[in-house]
Amino acid sequence: MSLARLSIKGISYSQTQNGAYALLLSDMDSDRQLPIVIGAFEAQSIAIALEKEIKPPRPLTHDLFKTFAERFQINVKQVIIHKLVDGIFYSSLICERDGIEETIDARTSDAIALALRFDAPIFTYKNILDKAGIYLGDKSQSTDVYSSENLKSQETSTSKEQKTSFKSEFSKMTTKKLNEILEKAVNEEDYEKAAKIRDEISKRS
């Protein structure tokens, strides 16, 4: 089976599953997107790896893993999302040490968080894209990634209102104030809030 290389399109807060996020991966050779449900901690870890300007005061679990691996000269070469069963994606880390490759089972969210830190490419098999991929540009298909088979649930209006309130609050602040709150959020290790503040600052640049 042939592999398709994926890039990270973005992370969105789930309006259908309270406390969950959707990681949207994009096929680099087509218009297909692959949405994957991940938890809040993993979403924060991925967001921090994507946002180079946010530096945690202490290493996160995935940062610790990278430091540990590098200390023992282990390199993560690539990540492969190799299986989809009942809406759950299964992944493998392809690691190398002293010229010897090892394959390690991993949750997809953890695997991607580590791939970012090791600058490792992310792949999946094309049959998985055929099964779970969506075309967000296709108007005949829903553009809400949470309406895909992986994300079935009832929408929670509370989480939607909280997200809107957050955006409205930050949009009224000055850039100087946002930078102060950003620094405080990072020091307090509230990375979800820090990522949202950074998004607001980036929009103004």
C-alpha atoms as a PDB file:
ATOM      1  CA  MET A   1       0.000   0.000   0.000  1.00  0.00           C
ATOM      2  CA  SER A   2       1.271   3.452  -0.893  1.00  0.00           C
ATOM      3  CA  LEU A   3       1.815   6.195   1.655  1.00  0.00           C
ATOM      4  CA  ALA A   4       0.539   9.768   1.551  1.00  0.00           C
ATOM      5  CA  ARG A   5       2.439  12.533   3.305  1.00  0.00           C
ATOM      6  CA  LEU A   6       0.452  14.789   5.604  1.00  0.00           C
ATOM      7  CA  SER A   7       0.929  18.313   6.909  1.00  0.00           C
ATOM      8  CA  ILE A   8      -0.775  19.942   9.890  1.00  0.00           C
ATOM      9  CA  LYS A   9      -3.574  22.242   8.747  1.00  0.00           C
ATOM     10  CA  GLY A  10      -4.640  23.392  12.193  1.00  0.00           C
ATOM     11  CA  ILE A  11      -6.336  22.619  15.489  1.00  0.00           C
ATOM     12  CA  SER A  12      -9.946  23.509  16.283  1.00  0.00           C
ATOM     13  CA  TYR A  13     -11.957  23.309  19.482  1.00  0.00           C
ATOM     14  CA  SER A  14     -14.718  20.726  19.192  1.00  0.00           C
ATOM     15  CA  GLN A  15     -18.222  22.151  19.298  1.00  0.00           C
ATOM     16  CA  THR A  16     -19.600  18.614  19.598  1.00  0.00           C
ATOM     17  CA  GLN A  17     -17.380  17.031  22.240  1.00  0.00           C
ATOM     18  CA  ASN A  18     -16.733  19.056  25.374  1.00  0.00           C
ATOM     19  CA  GLY A  19     -13.012  19.290  26.153  1.00  0.00           C
ATOM     20  CA  ALA A  20     -11.959  17.698  22.859  1.00  0.00           C
ATOM     21  CA  TYR A  21     -10.128  19.150  19.883  1.00  0.00           C
ATOM     22  CA  ALA A  22      -9.860  18.240  16.223  1.00  0.00           C
ATOM     23  CA  LEU A  23      -6.436  18.060  14.647  1.00  0.00           C
ATOM     24  CA  LEU A  24      -6.802  18.607  10.919  1.00  0.00           C
ATOM     25  CA  LEU A  25      -4.157  16.970   8.728  1.00  0.00           C
ATOM     26  CA  SER A  26      -3.874  17.784   5.034  1.00  0.00           C
ATOM     27  CA  ASP A  27      -2.780  15.440   2.263  1.00  0.00           C
ATOM     28  CA  MET A  28       0.132  17.182   0.553  1.00  0.00           C
ATOM     29  CA  ASP A  29      -0.805  15.690  -2.845  1.00  0.00           C
ATOM     30  CA  SER A  30      -4.549  16.363  -2.878  1.00  0.00           C
ATOM     31  CA  ASP A  31      -7.332  18.477  -1.346  1.00  0.00           C
ATOM     32  CA  ARG A  32      -8.252  15.824   1.205  1.00  0.00           C
ATOM     33  CA  GLN A  33      -8.192  16.577   4.926  1.00  0.00           C
ATOM     34  CA  LEU A  34      -7.974  14.032   7.733  1.00  0.00           C
ATOM     35  CA  PRO A  35      -9.668  15.132  11.018  1.00  0.00           C
ATOM     36  CA  ILE A  36      -8.519  13.397  14.223  1.00  0.00           C
ATOM     37  CA  VAL A  37     -10.023  13.884  17.673  1.00  0.00           C
ATOM     38  CA  ILE A  38      -7.399  14.620  20.345  1.00  0.00           C
ATOM     39  CA  GLY A  39      -7.449  15.628  24.001  1.00  0.00           C
ATOM     40  CA  ALA A  40      -6.766  19.063  25.464  1.00  0.00           C
ATOM     41  CA  PHE A  41      -3.261  18.234  26.745  1.00  0.00           C
ATOM     42  CA  GLU A  42      -2.136  16.847  23.393  1.00  0.00           C
ATOM     43  CA  ALA A  43      -3.702  19.816  21.580  1.00  0.00           C
ATOM     44  CA  GLN A  44      -1.738  22.212  23.783  1.00  0.00           C
ATOM     45  CA  SER A  45       1.484  20.280  23.235  1.00  0.00           C
ATOM     46  CA  ILE A  46       1.019  20.305  19.446  1.00  0.00           C
ATOM     47  CA  ALA A  47       0.067  23.997  19.450  1.00  0.00           C
ATOM     48  CA  ILE A  48       3.201  24.894  21.425  1.00  0.00           C
ATOM     49  CA  ALA A  49       5.390  22.910  19.018  1.00  0.00           C
ATOM     50  CA  LEU A  50       3.794  24.795  16.117  1.00  0.00           C
ATOM     51  CA  GLU A  51       4.078  28.182  17.846  1.00  0.00           C
ATOM     52  CA  LYS A  52       7.828  28.661  18.212  1.00  0.00           C
ATOM     53  CA  GLU A  53       7.491  31.889  20.215  1.00  0.00           C
ATOM     54  CA  ILE A  54       5.814  30.192  23.192  1.00  0.00           C
ATOM     55  CA  LYS A  55       8.503  28.747  25.466  1.00  0.00           C
ATOM     56  CA  PRO A  56       7.224  26.729  28.463  1.00  0.00           C
ATOM     57  CA  PRO A  57       9.099  27.463  31.697  1.00  0.00           C
ATOM     58  CA  ARG A  58       9.355  23.709  32.288  1.00  0.00           C
ATOM     59  CA  PRO A  59       9.500  20.904  29.700  1.00  0.00           C
ATOM     60  CA  LEU A  60       6.229  19.267  28.735  1.00  0.00           C
ATOM     61  CA  THR A  61       6.039  15.470  28.579  1.00  0.00           C
ATOM     62  CA  HIS A  62       6.817  15.438  24.850  1.00  0.00           C
ATOM     63  CA  ASP A  63       9.754  17.830  25.366  1.00  0.00           C
ATOM     64  CA  LEU A  64      11.076  15.504  28.066  1.00  0.00           C
ATOM     65  CA  PHE A  65      10.759  12.521  25.720  1.00  0.00           C
ATOM     66  CA  LYS A  66      12.754  14.383  23.063  1.00  0.00           C
ATOM     67  CA  THR A  67      15.498  15.315  25.522  1.00  0.00           C
ATOM     68  CA  PHE A  68      15.627  11.732  26.804  1.00  0.00           C
ATOM     69  CA  ALA A  69      15.786  10.311  23.263  1.00  0.00           C
ATOM     70  CA  GLU A  70      18.506  12.712  22.156  1.00  0.00           C
ATOM     71  CA  ARG A  71      20.566  11.963  25.252  1.00  0.00           C
ATOM     72  CA  PHE A  72      20.642   8.311  24.188  1.00  0.00           C
ATOM     73  CA  GLN A  73      21.061   9.164  20.481  1.00  0.00           C
ATOM     74  CA  ILE A  74      17.597   7.987  19.449  1.00  0.00           C
ATOM     75  CA  ASN A  75      16.012   9.805  16.524  1.00  0.00           C
ATOM     76  CA  VAL A  76      12.361   9.733  15.447  1.00  0.00           C
ATOM     77  CA  LYS A  77      12.592   9.440  11.656  1.00  0.00           C
ATOM     78  CA  GLN A  78       8.904   9.418  10.748  1.00  0.00           C
ATOM     79  CA  VAL A  79       5.376   8.788  11.961  1.00  0.00           C
ATOM     80  CA  ILE A  80       2.940   6.507  10.159  1.00  0.00           C
ATOM     81  CA  ILE A  81      -0.802   6.497  10.857  1.00  0.00           C
ATOM     82  CA  HIS A  82      -1.254   2.873   9.852  1.00  0.00           C
ATOM     83  CA  LYS A  83      -4.732   1.777  10.962  1.00  0.00           C
ATOM     84  CA  LEU A  84      -8.274   3.074  11.532  1.00  0.00           C
ATOM     85  CA  VAL A  85     -10.648   0.926  13.573  1.00  0.00           C
ATOM     86  CA  ASP A  86     -14.053   2.120  14.874  1.00  0.00           C
ATOM     87  CA  GLY A  87     -13.062   5.765  14.401  1.00  0.00           C
ATOM     88  CA  ILE A  88      -9.745   5.348  16.283  1.00  0.00           C
ATOM     89  CA  PHE A  89      -6.457   6.011  14.483  1.00  0.00           C
ATOM     90  CA  TYR A  90      -3.404   3.883  15.303  1.00  0.00           C
ATOM     91  CA  SER A  91       0.125   5.157  14.712  1.00  0.00           C
ATOM     92  CA  SER A  92       3.745   4.087  14.855  1.00  0.00           C
ATOM     93  CA  LEU A  93       6.972   5.948  15.538  1.00  0.00           C
ATOM     94  CA  ILE A  94       9.819   4.857  13.281  1.00  0.00           C
ATOM     95  CA  CYS A  95      12.934   5.382  15.408  1.00  0.00           C
ATOM     96  CA  GLU A  96      16.619   4.891  14.683  1.00  0.00           C
ATOM     97  CA  ARG A  97      19.663   4.374  16.887  1.00  0.00           C
ATOM     98  CA  ASP A  98      23.118   3.329  15.665  1.00  0.00           C
ATOM     99  CA  GLY A  99      21.695   2.578  12.221  1.00  0.00           C
ATOM    100  CA  ILE A 100      19.058   0.200  13.602  1.00  0.00           C
ATOM    101  CA  GLU A 101      15.383   1.014  13.065  1.00  0.00           C
ATOM    102  CA  GLU A 102      12.671   0.189  15.591  1.00  0.00           C
ATOM    103  CA  THR A 103       8.904   0.622  15.288  1.00  0.00           C
ATOM    104  CA  ILE A 104       7.088   1.799  18.421  1.00  0.00           C
ATOM    105  CA  ASP A 105       3.315   1.858  18.862  1.00  0.00           C
ATOM    106  CA  ALA A 106       1.943   5.274  19.893  1.00  0.00           C
ATOM    107  CA  ARG A 107      -1.287   7.216  20.176  1.00  0.00           C
ATOM    108  CA  THR A 108      -1.653   9.382  17.095  1.00  0.00           C
ATOM    109  CA  SER A 109      -1.763  12.627  19.093  1.00  0.00           C
ATOM    110  CA  ASP A 110       1.466  11.736  20.923  1.00  0.00           C
ATOM    111  CA  ALA A 111       3.115  10.604  17.697  1.00  0.00           C
ATOM    112  CA  ILE A 112       2.346  13.912  15.967  1.00  0.00           C
ATOM    113  CA  ALA A 113       3.475  15.968  18.970  1.00  0.00           C
ATOM    114  CA  LEU A 114       6.808  14.125  18.802  1.00  0.00           C
ATOM    115  CA  ALA A 115       7.054  14.338  15.003  1.00  0.00           C
ATOM    116  CA  LEU A 116       6.913  18.133  15.284  1.00  0.00           C
ATOM    117  CA  ARG A 117       9.702  18.179  17.842  1.00  0.00           C
ATOM    118  CA  PHE A 118      11.935  15.903  15.769  1.00  0.00           C
ATOM    119  CA  ASP A 119      11.026  17.559  12.434  1.00  0.00           C
ATOM    120  CA  ALA A 120       9.882  14.123  11.287  1.00  0.00           C
ATOM    121  CA  PRO A 121       7.454  13.659   8.378  1.00  0.00           C
ATOM    122  CA  ILE A 122       3.941  12.298   8.987  1.00  0.00           C
ATOM    123  CA  PHE A 123       2.426   9.686   6.665  1.00  0.00           C
ATOM    124  CA  THR A 124      -0.732   7.623   6.355  1.00  0.00           C
ATOM    125  CA  TYR A 125      -1.850   4.927   3.942  1.00  0.00           C
ATOM    126  CA  LYS A 126      -4.007   6.073   1.054  1.00  0.00           C
ATOM    127  CA  ASN A 127      -6.744   3.582   1.930  1.00  0.00           C
ATOM    128  CA  ILE A 128      -7.133   5.394   5.286  1.00  0.00           C
ATOM    129  CA  LEU A 129      -7.488   8.702   3.432  1.00  0.00           C
ATOM    130  CA  ASP A 130     -10.066   7.071   1.163  1.00  0.00           C
ATOM    131  CA  LYS A 131     -12.011   5.903   4.209  1.00  0.00           C
ATOM    132  CA  ALA A 132     -11.767   8.912   6.545  1.00  0.00           C
ATOM    133  CA  GLY A 133     -10.576  11.832   4.416  1.00  0.00           C
ATOM    134  CA  ILE A 134     -12.891  14.735   3.645  1.00  0.00           C
ATOM    135  CA  TYR A 135     -12.863  17.460   1.014  1.00  0.00           C
ATOM    136  CA  LEU A 136     -13.412  20.741   2.826  1.00  0.00           C
ATOM    137  CA  GLY A 137     -13.513  22.616  -0.454  1.00  0.00           C
ATOM    138  CA  ASP A 138     -16.427  20.519  -1.725  1.00  0.00           C
ATOM    139  CA  LYS A 139     -19.641  22.510  -1.180  1.00  0.00           C
ATOM    140  CA  SER A 140     -21.719  19.350  -1.439  1.00  0.00           C
ATOM    141  CA  GLN A 141     -20.008  18.134   1.740  1.00  0.00           C
ATOM    142  CA  SER A 142     -20.284  19.640   5.191  1.00  0.00           C
ATOM    143  CA  THR A 143     -17.420  22.007   5.963  1.00  0.00           C
ATOM    144  CA  ASP A 144     -17.703  21.228   9.670  1.00  0.00           C
ATOM    145  CA  VAL A 145     -14.998  18.658  10.432  1.00  0.00           C
ATOM    146  CA  TYR A 146     -16.921  17.613  13.527  1.00  0.00           C
ATOM    147  CA  SER A 147     -19.765  16.282  11.442  1.00  0.00           C
ATOM    148  CA  SER A 148     -17.544  13.500  10.088  1.00  0.00           C
ATOM    149  CA  GLU A 149     -17.967   9.936  11.307  1.00  0.00           C
ATOM    150  CA  ASN A 150     -15.172  10.277  13.852  1.00  0.00           C
ATOM    151  CA  LEU A 151     -16.840  13.129  15.728  1.00  0.00           C
ATOM    152  CA  LYS A 152     -20.526  12.243  16.185  1.00  0.00           C
ATOM    153  CA  SER A 153     -22.165  13.835  19.205  1.00  0.00           C
ATOM    154  CA  GLN A 154     -24.596  16.538  20.280  1.00  0.00           C
ATOM    155  CA  GLU A 155     -23.371  20.140  20.148  1.00  0.00           C
ATOM    156  CA  THR A 156     -22.805  21.791  23.530  1.00  0.00           C
ATOM    157  CA  SER A 157     -23.926  25.418  23.441  1.00  0.00           C
ATOM    158  CA  THR A 158     -21.983  26.172  26.641  1.00  0.00           C
ATOM    159  CA  SER A 159     -18.572  25.453  25.072  1.00  0.00           C
ATOM    160  CA  LYS A 160     -19.556  27.510  22.017  1.00  0.00           C
ATOM    161  CA  GLU A 161     -20.483  30.479  24.164  1.00  0.00           C
ATOM    162  CA  GLN A 162     -17.229  30.169  26.156  1.00  0.00           C
ATOM    163  CA  LYS A 163     -15.155  30.185  22.962  1.00  0.00           C
ATOM    164  CA  THR A 164     -16.986  33.243  21.604  1.00  0.00           C
ATOM    165  CA  SER A 165     -16.568  35.022  24.953  1.00  0.00           C
ATOM    166  CA  PHE A 166     -12.808  34.308  24.931  1.00  0.00           C
ATOM    167  CA  LYS A 167     -12.400  35.759  21.423  1.00  0.00           C
ATOM    168  CA  SER A 168     -14.451  38.839  22.246  1.00  0.00           C
ATOM    169  CA  GLU A 169     -12.474  39.479  25.429  1.00  0.00           C
ATOM    170  CA  PHE A 170      -9.078  39.327  23.695  1.00  0.00           C
ATOM    171  CA  SER A 171     -10.180  41.370  20.678  1.00  0.00           C
ATOM    172  CA  LYS A 172     -10.897  44.363  22.950  1.00  0.00           C
ATOM    173  CA  MET A 173      -7.412  44.381  24.528  1.00  0.00           C
ATOM    174  CA  THR A 174      -4.375  46.307  23.349  1.00  0.00           C
ATOM    175  CA  THR A 175      -1.428  44.377  21.929  1.00  0.00           C
ATOM    176  CA  LYS A 176       0.688  45.429  24.904  1.00  0.00           C
ATOM    177  CA  LYS A 177      -1.898  44.019  27.304  1.00  0.00           C
ATOM    178  CA  LEU A 178      -2.143  40.801  25.307  1.00  0.00           C
ATOM    179  CA  ASN A 179       1.632  40.316  25.489  1.00  0.00           C
ATOM    180  CA  GLU A 180       1.522  40.771  29.270  1.00  0.00           C
ATOM    181  CA  ILE A 181      -1.279  38.219  29.626  1.00  0.00           C
ATOM    182  CA  LEU A 182       0.538  35.864  27.236  1.00  0.00           C
ATOM    183  CA  GLU A 183       3.679  35.925  29.394  1.00  0.00           C
ATOM    184  CA  LYS A 184       1.591  35.281  32.507  1.00  0.00           C
ATOM    185  CA  ALA A 185      -0.295  32.399  30.867  1.00  0.00           C
ATOM    186  CA  VAL A 186       2.973  30.722  29.818  1.00  0.00           C
ATOM    187  CA  ASN A 187       4.457  31.139  33.310  1.00  0.00           C
ATOM    188  CA  GLU A 188       1.310  29.590  34.789  1.00  0.00           C
ATOM    189  CA  GLU A 189       1.491  26.811  32.164  1.00  0.00           C
ATOM    190  CA  ASP A 190      -1.965  27.639  30.829  1.00  0.00           C
ATOM    191  CA  TYR A 191      -0.982  26.823  27.260  1.00  0.00           C
ATOM    192  CA  GLU A 192      -4.508  26.670  25.873  1.00  0.00           C
ATOM    193  CA  LYS A 193      -5.046  30.302  26.850  1.00  0.00           C
ATOM    194  CA  ALA A 194      -1.570  31.227  25.622  1.00  0.00           C
ATOM    195  CA  ALA A 195      -2.274  29.729  22.188  1.00  0.00           C
ATOM    196  CA  LYS A 196      -5.514  31.732  21.862  1.00  0.00           C
ATOM    197  CA  ILE A 197      -3.763  34.944  22.865  1.00  0.00           C
ATOM    198  CA  ARG A 198      -0.960  34.276  20.385  1.00  0.00           C
ATOM    199  CA  ASP A 199      -3.586  33.753  17.643  1.00  0.00           C
ATOM    200  CA  GLU A 200      -5.095  37.164  18.427  1.00  0.00           C
ATOM    201  CA  ILE A 201      -1.660  38.855  18.386  1.00  0.00           C
ATOM    202  CA  SER A 202      -0.746  37.137  15.097  1.00  0.00           C
ATOM    203  CA  LYS A 203      -3.947  38.409  13.446  1.00  0.00           C
ATOM    204  CA  ARG A 204      -2.832  41.964  14.188  1.00  0.00           C
ATOM    205  CA  SER A 205       0.652  41.575  12.729  1.00  0.00           C
END
